[in-house]
Amino acid sequence: MYFRFKNKMFIFSILSFVVFLFIRSNQTYASSCTVLKDKHFSFYERKMKELNIADPPYTVFNFSTEVSSDHDIIQDELEKKEKKAMRRFKYDLDEKRDRSREILDKLLSSAIDFF
């Protein structure tokens, strides 16, 4: 009885070791595939870092286009705010005109009633 139990434990330990090795080999294979894919550009990346070159290179043209686009965006925002302010000003002016017209109508009608 003890001998059978010992054999079963031995077989179980061998099987678990084989499963462990199988899992481990799959993990190392998967990680080695990703390393191989990245190794194609490692020389390029190393040289770029040594030369302190931006990726992609930042040129005067890039800077000028960025500045001009920022300037255009700022101009558009200022125009929007100006249009909004003008609309608000016109609305307020119309409201004041209507109120003054109503007050003047009441004043004139009461003056006519008085005389």
PDB file of N, CA and C in Angstrom:
ATOM      1  N   MET A   1       0.824  -1.186   0.000  1.00  0.00           N
ATOM      2  CA  MET A   1       0.000   0.000   0.000  1.00  0.00           C
ATOM      3  C   MET A   1       0.874   1.259   0.000  1.00  0.00           C
ATOM      4  N   TYR A   2       1.857   1.288   0.852  1.00  0.00           N
ATOM      5  CA  TYR A   2       2.756   2.432   0.922  1.00  0.00           C
ATOM      6  C   TYR A   2       3.531   2.591  -0.378  1.00  0.00           C
ATOM      7  N   PHE A   3       3.890   1.491  -1.001  1.00  0.00           N
ATOM      8  CA  PHE A   3       4.646   1.511  -2.248  1.00  0.00           C
ATOM      9  C   PHE A   3       3.820   2.121  -3.381  1.00  0.00           C
ATOM     10  N   ARG A   4       2.513   1.788  -3.440  1.00  0.00           N
ATOM     11  CA  ARG A   4       1.643   2.345  -4.478  1.00  0.00           C
ATOM     12  C   ARG A   4       1.467   3.847  -4.290  1.00  0.00           C
ATOM     13  N   PHE A   5       1.334   4.262  -3.059  1.00  0.00           N
ATOM     14  CA  PHE A   5       1.187   5.682  -2.773  1.00  0.00           C
ATOM     15  C   PHE A   5       2.453   6.435  -3.168  1.00  0.00           C
ATOM     16  N   LYS A   6       3.593   5.836  -2.898  1.00  0.00           N
ATOM     17  CA  LYS A   6       4.872   6.440  -3.236  1.00  0.00           C
ATOM     18  C   LYS A   6       5.017   6.548  -4.761  1.00  0.00           C
ATOM     19  N   ASN A   7       4.592   5.517  -5.497  1.00  0.00           N
ATOM     20  CA  ASN A   7       4.640   5.564  -6.965  1.00  0.00           C
ATOM     21  C   ASN A   7       3.718   6.653  -7.517  1.00  0.00           C
ATOM     22  N   LYS A   8       2.545   6.763  -6.954  1.00  0.00           N
ATOM     23  CA  LYS A   8       1.599   7.789  -7.412  1.00  0.00           C
ATOM     24  C   LYS A   8       2.153   9.192  -7.154  1.00  0.00           C
ATOM     25  N   MET A   9       2.777   9.384  -6.023  1.00  0.00           N
ATOM     26  CA  MET A   9       3.373  10.687  -5.721  1.00  0.00           C
ATOM     27  C   MET A   9       4.523  10.992  -6.680  1.00  0.00           C
ATOM     28  N   PHE A  10       5.308   9.971  -6.979  1.00  0.00           N
ATOM     29  CA  PHE A  10       6.433  10.139  -7.893  1.00  0.00           C
ATOM     30  C   PHE A  10       5.940  10.497  -9.296  1.00  0.00           C
ATOM     31  N   ILE A  11       4.924   9.804  -9.761  1.00  0.00           N
ATOM     32  CA  ILE A  11       4.356  10.075 -11.090  1.00  0.00           C
ATOM     33  C   ILE A  11       3.722  11.470 -11.120  1.00  0.00           C
ATOM     34  N   PHE A  12       3.023  11.815 -10.062  1.00  0.00           N
ATOM     35  CA  PHE A  12       2.407  13.144  -9.982  1.00  0.00           C
ATOM     36  C   PHE A  12       3.470  14.242  -9.999  1.00  0.00           C
ATOM     37  N   SER A  13       4.545  14.048  -9.266  1.00  0.00           N
ATOM     38  CA  SER A  13       5.606  15.063  -9.233  1.00  0.00           C
ATOM     39  C   SER A  13       6.287  15.183 -10.598  1.00  0.00           C
ATOM     40  N   ILE A  14       6.500  14.067 -11.280  1.00  0.00           N
ATOM     41  CA  ILE A  14       7.107  14.125 -12.616  1.00  0.00           C
ATOM     42  C   ILE A  14       6.170  14.833 -13.595  1.00  0.00           C
ATOM     43  N   LEU A  15       4.891  14.500 -13.556  1.00  0.00           N
ATOM     44  CA  LEU A  15       3.924  15.156 -14.444  1.00  0.00           C
ATOM     45  C   LEU A  15       3.835  16.655 -14.164  1.00  0.00           C
ATOM     46  N   SER A  16       3.804  17.024 -12.911  1.00  0.00           N
ATOM     47  CA  SER A  16       3.734  18.453 -12.588  1.00  0.00           C
ATOM     48  C   SER A  16       5.001  19.176 -13.041  1.00  0.00           C
ATOM     49  N   PHE A  17       6.159  18.520 -12.942  1.00  0.00           N
ATOM     50  CA  PHE A  17       7.405  19.112 -13.405  1.00  0.00           C
ATOM     51  C   PHE A  17       7.389  19.294 -14.925  1.00  0.00           C
ATOM     52  N   VAL A  18       6.860  18.302 -15.641  1.00  0.00           N
ATOM     53  CA  VAL A  18       6.764  18.395 -17.102  1.00  0.00           C
ATOM     54  C   VAL A  18       5.819  19.534 -17.502  1.00  0.00           C
ATOM     55  N   VAL A  19       4.702  19.660 -16.816  1.00  0.00           N
ATOM     56  CA  VAL A  19       3.761  20.749 -17.105  1.00  0.00           C
ATOM     57  C   VAL A  19       4.424  22.096 -16.825  1.00  0.00           C
ATOM     58  N   PHE A  20       5.156  22.172 -15.729  1.00  0.00           N
ATOM     59  CA  PHE A  20       5.875  23.400 -15.393  1.00  0.00           C
ATOM     60  C   PHE A  20       6.876  23.766 -16.489  1.00  0.00           C
ATOM     61  N   LEU A  21       7.627  22.782 -16.960  1.00  0.00           N
ATOM     62  CA  LEU A  21       8.596  23.040 -18.031  1.00  0.00           C
ATOM     63  C   LEU A  21       7.905  23.461 -19.324  1.00  0.00           C
ATOM     64  N   PHE A  22       6.783  22.840 -19.625  1.00  0.00           N
ATOM     65  CA  PHE A  22       6.033  23.189 -20.831  1.00  0.00           C
ATOM     66  C   PHE A  22       5.551  24.644 -20.773  1.00  0.00           C
ATOM     67  N   ILE A  23       4.994  25.028 -19.640  1.00  0.00           N
ATOM     68  CA  ILE A  23       4.512  26.406 -19.477  1.00  0.00           C
ATOM     69  C   ILE A  23       5.678  27.383 -19.552  1.00  0.00           C
ATOM     70  N   ARG A  24       6.749  27.047 -18.908  1.00  0.00           N
ATOM     71  CA  ARG A  24       7.939  27.919 -18.901  1.00  0.00           C
ATOM     72  C   ARG A  24       8.513  28.092 -20.313  1.00  0.00           C
ATOM     73  N   SER A  25       8.554  27.003 -21.069  1.00  0.00           N
ATOM     74  CA  SER A  25       9.102  27.095 -22.427  1.00  0.00           C
ATOM     75  C   SER A  25       8.203  27.947 -23.322  1.00  0.00           C
ATOM     76  N   ASN A  26       6.879  27.848 -23.148  1.00  0.00           N
ATOM     77  CA  ASN A  26       5.966  28.688 -23.931  1.00  0.00           C
ATOM     78  C   ASN A  26       6.156  30.162 -23.606  1.00  0.00           C
ATOM     79  N   GLN A  27       6.357  30.473 -22.335  1.00  0.00           N
ATOM     80  CA  GLN A  27       6.558  31.867 -21.941  1.00  0.00           C
ATOM     81  C   GLN A  27       7.856  32.420 -22.511  1.00  0.00           C
ATOM     82  N   THR A  28       8.918  31.643 -22.455  1.00  0.00           N
ATOM     83  CA  THR A  28      10.197  32.131 -22.978  1.00  0.00           C
ATOM     84  C   THR A  28      10.142  32.272 -24.495  1.00  0.00           C
ATOM     85  N   TYR A  29       9.430  31.372 -25.163  1.00  0.00           N
ATOM     86  CA  TYR A  29       9.303  31.474 -26.618  1.00  0.00           C
ATOM     87  C   TYR A  29       8.519  32.732 -26.994  1.00  0.00           C
ATOM     88  N   ALA A  30       7.431  33.005 -26.267  1.00  0.00           N
ATOM     89  CA  ALA A  30       6.622  34.190 -26.566  1.00  0.00           C
ATOM     90  C   ALA A  30       7.426  35.462 -26.332  1.00  0.00           C
ATOM     91  N   SER A  31       8.198  35.510 -25.273  1.00  0.00           N
ATOM     92  CA  SER A  31       8.986  36.717 -25.009  1.00  0.00           C
ATOM     93  C   SER A  31      10.131  36.854 -26.004  1.00  0.00           C
ATOM     94  N   SER A  32      10.696  35.736 -26.463  1.00  0.00           N
ATOM     95  CA  SER A  32      11.797  35.828 -27.426  1.00  0.00           C
ATOM     96  C   SER A  32      11.297  36.310 -28.783  1.00  0.00           C
ATOM     97  N   CYS A  33      10.053  36.007 -29.140  1.00  0.00           N
ATOM     98  CA  CYS A  33       9.498  36.481 -30.411  1.00  0.00           C
ATOM     99  C   CYS A  33       9.351  38.002 -30.398  1.00  0.00           C
ATOM    100  N   THR A  34       8.905  38.546 -29.284  1.00  0.00           N
ATOM    101  CA  THR A  34       8.756  39.998 -29.228  1.00  0.00           C
ATOM    102  C   THR A  34      10.112  40.677 -29.238  1.00  0.00           C
ATOM    103  N   VAL A  35      11.097  40.073 -28.627  1.00  0.00           N
ATOM    104  CA  VAL A  35      12.433  40.664 -28.627  1.00  0.00           C
ATOM    105  C   VAL A  35      12.993  40.677 -30.039  1.00  0.00           C
ATOM    106  N   LEU A  36      12.763  39.619 -30.793  1.00  0.00           N
ATOM    107  CA  LEU A  36      13.270  39.569 -32.158  1.00  0.00           C
ATOM    108  C   LEU A  36      12.623  40.639 -33.030  1.00  0.00           C
ATOM    109  N   LYS A  37      11.344  40.899 -32.814  1.00  0.00           N
ATOM    110  CA  LYS A  37      10.672  41.935 -33.595  1.00  0.00           C
ATOM    111  C   LYS A  37      11.253  43.309 -33.283  1.00  0.00           C
ATOM    112  N   ASP A  38      11.573  43.552 -32.019  1.00  0.00           N
ATOM    113  CA  ASP A  38      12.079  44.858 -31.625  1.00  0.00           C
ATOM    114  C   ASP A  38      13.549  45.051 -31.969  1.00  0.00           C
ATOM    115  N   LYS A  39      14.281  43.992 -32.187  1.00  0.00           N
ATOM    116  CA  LYS A  39      15.711  44.113 -32.442  1.00  0.00           C
ATOM    117  C   LYS A  39      16.008  44.735 -33.800  1.00  0.00           C
ATOM    118  N   HIS A  40      15.062  44.728 -34.705  1.00  0.00           N
ATOM    119  CA  HIS A  40      15.301  45.300 -36.027  1.00  0.00           C
ATOM    120  C   HIS A  40      15.613  46.792 -35.933  1.00  0.00           C
ATOM    121  N   PHE A  41      14.983  47.480 -34.987  1.00  0.00           N
ATOM    122  CA  PHE A  41      15.142  48.923 -34.885  1.00  0.00           C
ATOM    123  C   PHE A  41      16.027  49.336 -33.717  1.00  0.00           C
ATOM    124  N   SER A  42      16.625  48.404 -33.012  1.00  0.00           N
ATOM    125  CA  SER A  42      17.413  48.771 -31.835  1.00  0.00           C
ATOM    126  C   SER A  42      18.641  49.582 -32.222  1.00  0.00           C
ATOM    127  N   PHE A  43      19.305  49.237 -33.314  1.00  0.00           N
ATOM    128  CA  PHE A  43      20.477  49.992 -33.758  1.00  0.00           C
ATOM    129  C   PHE A  43      20.073  51.421 -34.110  1.00  0.00           C
ATOM    130  N   TYR A  44      18.979  51.544 -34.827  1.00  0.00           N
ATOM    131  CA  TYR A  44      18.475  52.860 -35.238  1.00  0.00           C
ATOM    132  C   TYR A  44      18.140  53.716 -34.017  1.00  0.00           C
ATOM    133  N   GLU A  45      17.436  53.107 -33.035  1.00  0.00           N
ATOM    134  CA  GLU A  45      17.052  53.849 -31.843  1.00  0.00           C
ATOM    135  C   GLU A  45      18.274  54.257 -31.031  1.00  0.00           C
ATOM    136  N   ARG A  46      19.261  53.373 -30.938  1.00  0.00           N
ATOM    137  CA  ARG A  46      20.466  53.678 -30.181  1.00  0.00           C
ATOM    138  C   ARG A  46      21.205  54.848 -30.822  1.00  0.00           C
ATOM    139  N   LYS A  47      21.325  54.830 -32.145  1.00  0.00           N
ATOM    140  CA  LYS A  47      22.012  55.917 -32.845  1.00  0.00           C
ATOM    141  C   LYS A  47      21.246  57.237 -32.704  1.00  0.00           C
ATOM    142  N   MET A  48      19.921  57.158 -32.735  1.00  0.00           N
ATOM    143  CA  MET A  48      19.118  58.366 -32.565  1.00  0.00           C
ATOM    144  C   MET A  48      19.349  58.970 -31.183  1.00  0.00           C
ATOM    145  N   LYS A  49      19.443  58.121 -30.159  1.00  0.00           N
ATOM    146  CA  LYS A  49      19.691  58.618 -28.806  1.00  0.00           C
ATOM    147  C   LYS A  49      21.093  59.197 -28.682  1.00  0.00           C
ATOM    148  N   GLU A  50      22.073  58.558 -29.322  1.00  0.00           N
ATOM    149  CA  GLU A  50      23.446  59.064 -29.255  1.00  0.00           C
ATOM    150  C   GLU A  50      23.565  60.429 -29.914  1.00  0.00           C
ATOM    151  N   LEU A  51      22.856  60.630 -30.996  1.00  0.00           N
ATOM    152  CA  LEU A  51      22.945  61.892 -31.730  1.00  0.00           C
ATOM    153  C   LEU A  51      21.974  62.951 -31.215  1.00  0.00           C
ATOM    154  N   ASN A  52      21.146  62.587 -30.227  1.00  0.00           N
ATOM    155  CA  ASN A  52      20.132  63.482 -29.654  1.00  0.00           C
ATOM    156  C   ASN A  52      19.198  64.034 -30.726  1.00  0.00           C
ATOM    157  N   ILE A  53      18.741  63.158 -31.589  1.00  0.00           N
ATOM    158  CA  ILE A  53      17.819  63.540 -32.654  1.00  0.00           C
ATOM    159  C   ILE A  53      16.409  63.211 -32.196  1.00  0.00           C
ATOM    160  N   ALA A  54      15.520  64.169 -32.362  1.00  0.00           N
ATOM    161  CA  ALA A  54      14.128  63.929 -31.997  1.00  0.00           C
ATOM    162  C   ALA A  54      13.514  62.952 -32.978  1.00  0.00           C
ATOM    163  N   ASP A  55      12.481  62.268 -32.536  1.00  0.00           N
ATOM    164  CA  ASP A  55      11.821  61.289 -33.390  1.00  0.00           C
ATOM    165  C   ASP A  55      10.379  61.712 -33.575  1.00  0.00           C
ATOM    166  N   PRO A  56       9.919  62.276 -34.612  1.00  0.00           N
ATOM    167  CA  PRO A  56      10.596  62.643 -35.854  1.00  0.00           C
ATOM    168  C   PRO A  56      11.380  63.938 -35.657  1.00  0.00           C
ATOM    169  N   PRO A  57      12.318  64.228 -36.527  1.00  0.00           N
ATOM    170  CA  PRO A  57      13.121  65.441 -36.360  1.00  0.00           C
ATOM    171  C   PRO A  57      12.249  66.691 -36.375  1.00  0.00           C
ATOM    172  N   TYR A  58      12.501  67.572 -35.429  1.00  0.00           N
ATOM    173  CA  TYR A  58      11.727  68.806 -35.307  1.00  0.00           C
ATOM    174  C   TYR A  58      12.453  69.900 -36.068  1.00  0.00           C
ATOM    175  N   THR A  59      11.874  70.378 -37.122  1.00  0.00           N
ATOM    176  CA  THR A  59      12.550  71.342 -37.993  1.00  0.00           C
ATOM    177  C   THR A  59      11.925  72.719 -37.839  1.00  0.00           C
ATOM    178  N   VAL A  60      12.547  73.686 -38.485  1.00  0.00           N
ATOM    179  CA  VAL A  60      12.022  75.052 -38.482  1.00  0.00           C
ATOM    180  C   VAL A  60      10.668  75.089 -39.184  1.00  0.00           C
ATOM    181  N   PHE A  61      10.521  74.274 -40.204  1.00  0.00           N
ATOM    182  CA  PHE A  61       9.241  74.214 -40.913  1.00  0.00           C
ATOM    183  C   PHE A  61       8.132  73.746 -39.970  1.00  0.00           C
ATOM    184  N   ASN A  62       8.421  72.712 -39.169  1.00  0.00           N
ATOM    185  CA  ASN A  62       7.425  72.222 -38.213  1.00  0.00           C
ATOM    186  C   ASN A  62       7.056  73.326 -37.230  1.00  0.00           C
ATOM    187  N   PHE A  63       8.090  74.043 -36.752  1.00  0.00           N
ATOM    188  CA  PHE A  63       7.845  75.112 -35.790  1.00  0.00           C
ATOM    189  C   PHE A  63       6.999  76.219 -36.408  1.00  0.00           C
ATOM    190  N   SER A  64       7.337  76.610 -37.634  1.00  0.00           N
ATOM    191  CA  SER A  64       6.597  77.703 -38.277  1.00  0.00           C
ATOM    192  C   SER A  64       5.152  77.301 -38.562  1.00  0.00           C
ATOM    193  N   THR A  65       4.935  76.081 -38.999  1.00  0.00           N
ATOM    194  CA  THR A  65       3.550  75.653 -39.249  1.00  0.00           C
ATOM    195  C   THR A  65       2.768  75.564 -37.949  1.00  0.00           C
ATOM    196  N   GLU A  66       3.436  75.130 -36.887  1.00  0.00           N
ATOM    197  CA  GLU A  66       2.756  75.052 -35.592  1.00  0.00           C
ATOM    198  C   GLU A  66       2.384  76.442 -35.096  1.00  0.00           C
ATOM    199  N   VAL A  67       3.309  77.388 -35.246  1.00  0.00           N
ATOM    200  CA  VAL A  67       3.041  78.762 -34.814  1.00  0.00           C
ATOM    201  C   VAL A  67       1.922  79.371 -35.644  1.00  0.00           C
ATOM    202  N   SER A  68       1.952  79.160 -36.947  1.00  0.00           N
ATOM    203  CA  SER A  68       0.903  79.741 -37.794  1.00  0.00           C
ATOM    204  C   SER A  68      -0.454  79.118 -37.495  1.00  0.00           C
ATOM    205  N   SER A  69      -0.486  77.827 -37.225  1.00  0.00           N
ATOM    206  CA  SER A  69      -1.769  77.204 -36.890  1.00  0.00           C
ATOM    207  C   SER A  69      -2.267  77.703 -35.537  1.00  0.00           C
ATOM    208  N   ASP A  70      -1.346  77.888 -34.571  1.00  0.00           N
ATOM    209  CA  ASP A  70      -1.753  78.453 -33.281  1.00  0.00           C
ATOM    210  C   ASP A  70      -2.279  79.874 -33.460  1.00  0.00           C
ATOM    211  N   HIS A  71      -1.604  80.641 -34.305  1.00  0.00           N
ATOM    212  CA  HIS A  71      -2.040  82.019 -34.572  1.00  0.00           C
ATOM    213  C   HIS A  71      -3.436  82.021 -35.199  1.00  0.00           C
ATOM    214  N   ASP A  72      -3.670  81.121 -36.136  1.00  0.00           N
ATOM    215  CA  ASP A  72      -4.993  81.025 -36.767  1.00  0.00           C
ATOM    216  C   ASP A  72      -6.062  80.650 -35.751  1.00  0.00           C
ATOM    217  N   ILE A  73      -5.728  79.732 -34.873  1.00  0.00           N
ATOM    218  CA  ILE A  73      -6.693  79.321 -33.845  1.00  0.00           C
ATOM    219  C   ILE A  73      -7.019  80.489 -32.928  1.00  0.00           C
ATOM    220  N   ILE A  74      -5.990  81.242 -32.530  1.00  0.00           N
ATOM    221  CA  ILE A  74      -6.212  82.396 -31.654  1.00  0.00           C
ATOM    222  C   ILE A  74      -7.054  83.447 -32.366  1.00  0.00           C
ATOM    223  N   GLN A  75      -6.762  83.697 -33.634  1.00  0.00           N
ATOM    224  CA  GLN A  75      -7.544  84.661 -34.411  1.00  0.00           C
ATOM    225  C   GLN A  75      -9.007  84.233 -34.497  1.00  0.00           C
ATOM    226  N   ASP A  76      -9.247  82.959 -34.749  1.00  0.00           N
ATOM    227  CA  ASP A  76     -10.618  82.457 -34.833  1.00  0.00           C
ATOM    228  C   ASP A  76     -11.351  82.640 -33.508  1.00  0.00           C
ATOM    229  N   GLU A  77     -10.665  82.340 -32.409  1.00  0.00           N
ATOM    230  CA  GLU A  77     -11.294  82.496 -31.096  1.00  0.00           C
ATOM    231  C   GLU A  77     -11.599  83.965 -30.807  1.00  0.00           C
ATOM    232  N   LEU A  78     -10.671  84.853 -31.154  1.00  0.00           N
ATOM    233  CA  LEU A  78     -10.918  86.284 -30.944  1.00  0.00           C
ATOM    234  C   LEU A  78     -12.094  86.769 -31.783  1.00  0.00           C
ATOM    235  N   GLU A  79     -12.183  86.310 -33.022  1.00  0.00           N
ATOM    236  CA  GLU A  79     -13.313  86.698 -33.871  1.00  0.00           C
ATOM    237  C   GLU A  79     -14.631  86.186 -33.303  1.00  0.00           C
ATOM    238  N   LYS A  80     -14.623  84.952 -32.789  1.00  0.00           N
ATOM    239  CA  LYS A  80     -15.843  84.414 -32.180  1.00  0.00           C
ATOM    240  C   LYS A  80     -16.269  85.253 -30.982  1.00  0.00           C
ATOM    241  N   LYS A  81     -15.291  85.611 -30.139  1.00  0.00           N
ATOM    242  CA  LYS A  81     -15.616  86.410 -28.955  1.00  0.00           C
ATOM    243  C   LYS A  81     -16.104  87.799 -29.349  1.00  0.00           C
ATOM    244  N   GLU A  82     -15.483  88.378 -30.378  1.00  0.00           N
ATOM    245  CA  GLU A  82     -15.904  89.697 -30.832  1.00  0.00           C
ATOM    246  C   GLU A  82     -17.326  89.645 -31.389  1.00  0.00           C
ATOM    247  N   LYS A  83     -17.632  88.627 -32.178  1.00  0.00           N
ATOM    248  CA  LYS A  83     -18.988  88.485 -32.716  1.00  0.00           C
ATOM    249  C   LYS A  83     -20.002  88.285 -31.598  1.00  0.00           C
ATOM    250  N   LYS A  84     -19.616  87.487 -30.602  1.00  0.00           N
ATOM    251  CA  LYS A  84     -20.513  87.249 -29.476  1.00  0.00           C
ATOM    252  C   LYS A  84     -20.749  88.547 -28.704  1.00  0.00           C
ATOM    253  N   ALA A  85     -19.682  89.327 -28.502  1.00  0.00           N
ATOM    254  CA  ALA A  85     -19.818  90.597 -27.792  1.00  0.00           C
ATOM    255  C   ALA A  85     -20.684  91.570 -28.585  1.00  0.00           C
ATOM    256  N   MET A  86     -20.511  91.600 -29.895  1.00  0.00           N
ATOM    257  CA  MET A  86     -21.327  92.491 -30.725  1.00  0.00           C
ATOM    258  C   MET A  86     -22.797  92.078 -30.701  1.00  0.00           C
ATOM    259  N   ARG A  87     -23.050  90.769 -30.757  1.00  0.00           N
ATOM    260  CA  ARG A  87     -24.442  90.303 -30.668  1.00  0.00           C
ATOM    261  C   ARG A  87     -25.058  90.712 -29.334  1.00  0.00           C
ATOM    262  N   ARG A  88     -24.290  90.562 -28.264  1.00  0.00           N
ATOM    263  CA  ARG A  88     -24.784  90.923 -26.934  1.00  0.00           C
ATOM    264  C   ARG A  88     -25.020  92.433 -26.850  1.00  0.00           C
ATOM    265  N   PHE A  89     -24.093  93.204 -27.398  1.00  0.00           N
ATOM    266  CA  PHE A  89     -24.235  94.661 -27.392  1.00  0.00           C
ATOM    267  C   PHE A  89     -25.476  95.083 -28.171  1.00  0.00           C
ATOM    268  N   LYS A  90     -25.678  94.495 -29.363  1.00  0.00           N
ATOM    269  CA  LYS A  90     -26.859  94.835 -30.165  1.00  0.00           C
ATOM    270  C   LYS A  90     -28.143  94.440 -29.447  1.00  0.00           C
ATOM    271  N   TYR A  91     -28.126  93.283 -28.791  1.00  0.00           N
ATOM    272  CA  TYR A  91     -29.305  92.839 -28.052  1.00  0.00           C
ATOM    273  C   TYR A  91     -29.609  93.810 -26.911  1.00  0.00           C
ATOM    274  N   ASP A  92     -28.564  94.195 -26.165  1.00  0.00           N
ATOM    275  CA  ASP A  92     -28.768  95.148 -25.071  1.00  0.00           C
ATOM    276  C   ASP A  92     -29.257  96.490 -25.597  1.00  0.00           C
ATOM    277  N   LEU A  93     -28.701  96.932 -26.712  1.00  0.00           N
ATOM    278  CA  LEU A  93     -29.116  98.201 -27.306  1.00  0.00           C
ATOM    279  C   LEU A  93     -30.584  98.144 -27.735  1.00  0.00           C
ATOM    280  N   ASP A  94     -30.993  97.038 -28.349  1.00  0.00           N
ATOM    281  CA  ASP A  94     -32.402  96.879 -28.737  1.00  0.00           C
ATOM    282  C   ASP A  94     -33.313  96.868 -27.514  1.00  0.00           C
ATOM    283  N   GLU A  95     -32.876  96.194 -26.450  1.00  0.00           N
ATOM    284  CA  GLU A  95     -33.676  96.161 -25.222  1.00  0.00           C
ATOM    285  C   GLU A  95     -33.833  97.566 -24.640  1.00  0.00           C
ATOM    286  N   LYS A  96     -32.755  98.327 -24.612  1.00  0.00           N
ATOM    287  CA  LYS A  96     -32.822  99.698 -24.081  1.00  0.00           C
ATOM    288  C   LYS A  96     -33.709 100.570 -24.959  1.00  0.00           C
ATOM    289  N   ARG A  97     -33.612 100.408 -26.268  1.00  0.00           N
ATOM    290  CA  ARG A  97     -34.445 101.182 -27.190  1.00  0.00           C
ATOM    291  C   ARG A  97     -35.921 100.853 -26.967  1.00  0.00           C
ATOM    292  N   ASP A  98     -36.245  99.577 -26.821  1.00  0.00           N
ATOM    293  CA  ASP A  98     -37.642  99.185 -26.589  1.00  0.00           C
ATOM    294  C   ASP A  98     -38.155  99.731 -25.257  1.00  0.00           C
ATOM    295  N   ARG A  99     -37.316  99.643 -24.224  1.00  0.00           N
ATOM    296  CA  ARG A  99     -37.731 100.155 -22.921  1.00  0.00           C
ATOM    297  C   ARG A  99     -37.946 101.671 -22.957  1.00  0.00           C
ATOM    298  N   SER A 100     -37.016 102.369 -23.604  1.00  0.00           N
ATOM    299  CA  SER A 100     -37.162 103.835 -23.682  1.00  0.00           C
ATOM    300  C   SER A 100     -38.383 104.211 -24.522  1.00  0.00           C
ATOM    301  N   ARG A 101     -38.671 103.437 -25.581  1.00  0.00           N
ATOM    302  CA  ARG A 101     -39.852 103.702 -26.397  1.00  0.00           C
ATOM    303  C   ARG A 101     -41.124 103.497 -25.569  1.00  0.00           C
ATOM    304  N   GLU A 102     -41.166 102.446 -24.768  1.00  0.00           N
ATOM    305  CA  GLU A 102     -42.342 102.197 -23.925  1.00  0.00           C
ATOM    306  C   GLU A 102     -42.523 103.310 -22.891  1.00  0.00           C
ATOM    307  N   ILE A 103     -41.413 103.732 -22.287  1.00  0.00           N
ATOM    308  CA  ILE A 103     -41.503 104.810 -21.289  1.00  0.00           C
ATOM    309  C   ILE A 103     -41.979 106.100 -21.950  1.00  0.00           C
ATOM    310  N   LEU A 104     -41.444 106.404 -23.124  1.00  0.00           N
ATOM    311  CA  LEU A 104     -41.839 107.619 -23.844  1.00  0.00           C
ATOM    312  C   LEU A 104     -43.309 107.546 -24.265  1.00  0.00           C
ATOM    313  N   ASP A 105     -43.769 106.379 -24.713  1.00  0.00           N
ATOM    314  CA  ASP A 105     -45.188 106.222 -25.074  1.00  0.00           C
ATOM    315  C   ASP A 105     -46.085 106.439 -23.864  1.00  0.00           C
ATOM    316  N   LYS A 106     -45.717 105.883 -22.723  1.00  0.00           N
ATOM    317  CA  LYS A 106     -46.521 106.079 -21.508  1.00  0.00           C
ATOM    318  C   LYS A 106     -46.539 107.546 -21.098  1.00  0.00           C
ATOM    319  N   LEU A 107     -45.369 108.172 -21.201  1.00  0.00           N
ATOM    320  CA  LEU A 107     -45.271 109.577 -20.816  1.00  0.00           C
ATOM    321  C   LEU A 107     -46.116 110.458 -21.737  1.00  0.00           C
ATOM    322  N   LEU A 108     -46.021 110.204 -23.047  1.00  0.00           N
ATOM    323  CA  LEU A 108     -46.809 111.007 -23.992  1.00  0.00           C
ATOM    324  C   LEU A 108     -48.310 110.743 -23.851  1.00  0.00           C
ATOM    325  N   SER A 109     -48.676 109.487 -23.638  1.00  0.00           N
ATOM    326  CA  SER A 109     -50.115 109.197 -23.478  1.00  0.00           C
ATOM    327  C   SER A 109     -50.658 109.824 -22.195  1.00  0.00           C
ATOM    328  N   SER A 110     -49.881 109.823 -21.140  1.00  0.00           N
ATOM    329  CA  SER A 110     -50.357 110.462 -19.905  1.00  0.00           C
ATOM    330  C   SER A 110     -50.389 111.983 -20.068  1.00  0.00           C
ATOM    331  N   ALA A 111     -49.469 112.533 -20.878  1.00  0.00           N
ATOM    332  CA  ALA A 111     -49.482 113.988 -21.124  1.00  0.00           C
ATOM    333  C   ALA A 111     -50.708 114.372 -21.945  1.00  0.00           C
ATOM    334  N   ILE A 112     -51.069 113.535 -22.936  1.00  0.00           N
ATOM    335  CA  ILE A 112     -52.258 113.813 -23.746  1.00  0.00           C
ATOM    336  C   ILE A 112     -53.510 113.716 -22.881  1.00  0.00           C
ATOM    337  N   ASP A 113     -53.551 112.722 -21.991  1.00  0.00           N
ATOM    338  CA  ASP A 113     -54.706 112.589 -21.102  1.00  0.00           C
ATOM    339  C   ASP A 113     -54.798 113.779 -20.146  1.00  0.00           C
ATOM    340  N   PHE A 114     -53.673 114.302 -19.764  1.00  0.00           N
ATOM    341  CA  PHE A 114     -53.652 115.414 -18.826  1.00  0.00           C
ATOM    342  C   PHE A 114     -54.213 116.673 -19.467  1.00  0.00           C
ATOM    343  N   PHE A 115     -53.893 116.913 -20.732  1.00  0.00           N
ATOM    344  CA  PHE A 115     -54.387 118.112 -21.393  1.00  0.00           C
ATOM    345  C   PHE A 115     -55.651 117.760 -22.074  1.00  0.00           C
TER     346      PHE A 115
END
